[in-house]
């Protein structure tokens, strides 16, 4: 990383050098590498699986059983002990 910064300093003195976006990226990575308290997190969100299809799903996939629909929503069913 220091090699790129040194080359940039030499080239910048002659009116050339790294693009500002690349220079900012290298400086940010260098700052993260120096600090043990900073963790670089990924910018994109990763899910554990495919998104749920919800109410648009008309048929269940093979091997999936549906629970019977509950008809009494007023009070929960009591169990005899």
Protein backbone atom coordinates (compact mmCIF):
# COMPACT_ATOMS: atom_id res chain seq x y z
CA UNK A 1 0.00 0.00 0.00
CA UNK A 2 2.83 2.37 0.81
CA UNK A 3 4.32 1.72 -2.63
CA UNK A 4 1.25 3.09 -4.36
CA UNK A 5 1.22 6.17 -2.15
CA UNK A 6 4.92 6.81 -2.79
CA UNK A 7 4.46 6.41 -6.54
CA UNK A 8 1.46 8.73 -6.39
CA UNK A 9 3.51 11.38 -4.57
CA UNK A 10 6.22 11.21 -7.25
CA UNK A 11 3.68 11.29 -10.10
CA UNK A 12 1.60 14.07 -8.50
CA UNK A 13 4.67 16.30 -8.37
CA UNK A 14 4.83 15.98 -12.17
CA UNK A 15 1.11 16.66 -12.72
CA UNK A 16 0.02 13.01 -12.94
CA UNK A 17 -0.99 10.37 -10.41
CA UNK A 18 -3.77 8.14 -9.21
CA UNK A 19 -7.41 8.94 -9.79
CA UNK A 20 -8.99 10.68 -6.77
CA UNK A 21 -11.45 7.78 -6.25
CA UNK A 22 -8.65 5.21 -6.12
CA UNK A 23 -6.55 7.44 -3.88
CA UNK A 24 -9.50 7.84 -1.45
CA UNK A 25 -10.05 4.07 -1.43
CA UNK A 26 -6.39 3.36 -0.68
CA UNK A 27 -6.31 5.98 2.09
CA UNK A 28 -9.49 4.58 3.66
CA UNK A 29 -8.12 1.03 3.58
CA UNK A 30 -4.84 2.24 5.06
CA UNK A 31 -6.73 3.96 7.90
CA UNK A 32 -8.73 0.79 8.58
CA UNK A 33 -5.56 -1.32 8.60
CA UNK A 34 -3.92 0.97 11.18
CA UNK A 35 -6.82 0.86 13.66
CA UNK A 36 -7.67 -2.38 15.44
CA UNK A 37 -11.03 -0.93 16.57
CA UNK A 38 -12.39 -0.52 13.03
CA UNK A 39 -14.04 -3.36 11.12
CA UNK A 40 -14.93 -3.02 7.45
CA UNK A 41 -18.47 -4.29 6.85
CA UNK A 42 -19.73 -5.42 3.45
CA UNK A 43 -21.89 -2.90 1.62
CA UNK A 44 -24.39 -5.44 0.29
CA UNK A 45 -26.89 -7.32 2.44
CA UNK A 46 -26.75 -11.13 2.32
CA UNK A 47 -29.77 -13.27 3.13
CA UNK A 48 -29.66 -16.83 4.43
CA UNK A 49 -31.98 -18.04 1.68
CA UNK A 50 -34.41 -16.96 -0.97
CA UNK A 51 -37.00 -14.35 -0.06
CA UNK A 52 -40.41 -15.58 1.08
CA UNK A 53 -43.07 -15.46 -1.60
CA UNK A 54 -45.91 -14.76 0.87
CA UNK A 55 -49.56 -14.62 -0.20
CA UNK A 56 -48.80 -14.98 -3.90
CA UNK A 57 -47.95 -18.64 -3.42
CA UNK A 58 -50.81 -20.84 -4.68
CA UNK A 59 -49.37 -24.36 -4.40
CA UNK A 60 -46.92 -25.79 -1.92
CA UNK A 61 -43.69 -27.31 -3.18
CA UNK A 62 -43.34 -31.09 -3.19
CA UNK A 63 -42.69 -32.52 0.27
CA UNK A 64 -44.21 -29.57 2.18
CA UNK A 65 -47.31 -30.16 4.30
CA UNK A 66 -49.74 -27.37 5.21
CA UNK A 67 -51.02 -26.97 8.77
CA UNK A 68 -54.82 -27.08 9.06
CA UNK A 69 -56.36 -23.61 9.25
CA UNK A 70 -57.55 -22.46 12.66
CA UNK A 71 -61.22 -21.48 12.66
CA UNK A 72 -61.75 -20.23 16.23
CA UNK A 73 -59.75 -17.02 16.71
CA UNK A 74 -61.65 -15.77 19.80
CA UNK A 75 -59.96 -17.86 22.46
CA UNK A 76 -57.25 -20.47 22.37
CA UNK A 77 -58.15 -24.12 22.59
CA UNK A 78 -57.92 -25.56 26.12
CA UNK A 79 -56.13 -28.78 26.76
CA UNK A 80 -57.32 -31.35 29.25
CA UNK A 81 -54.65 -32.34 31.69
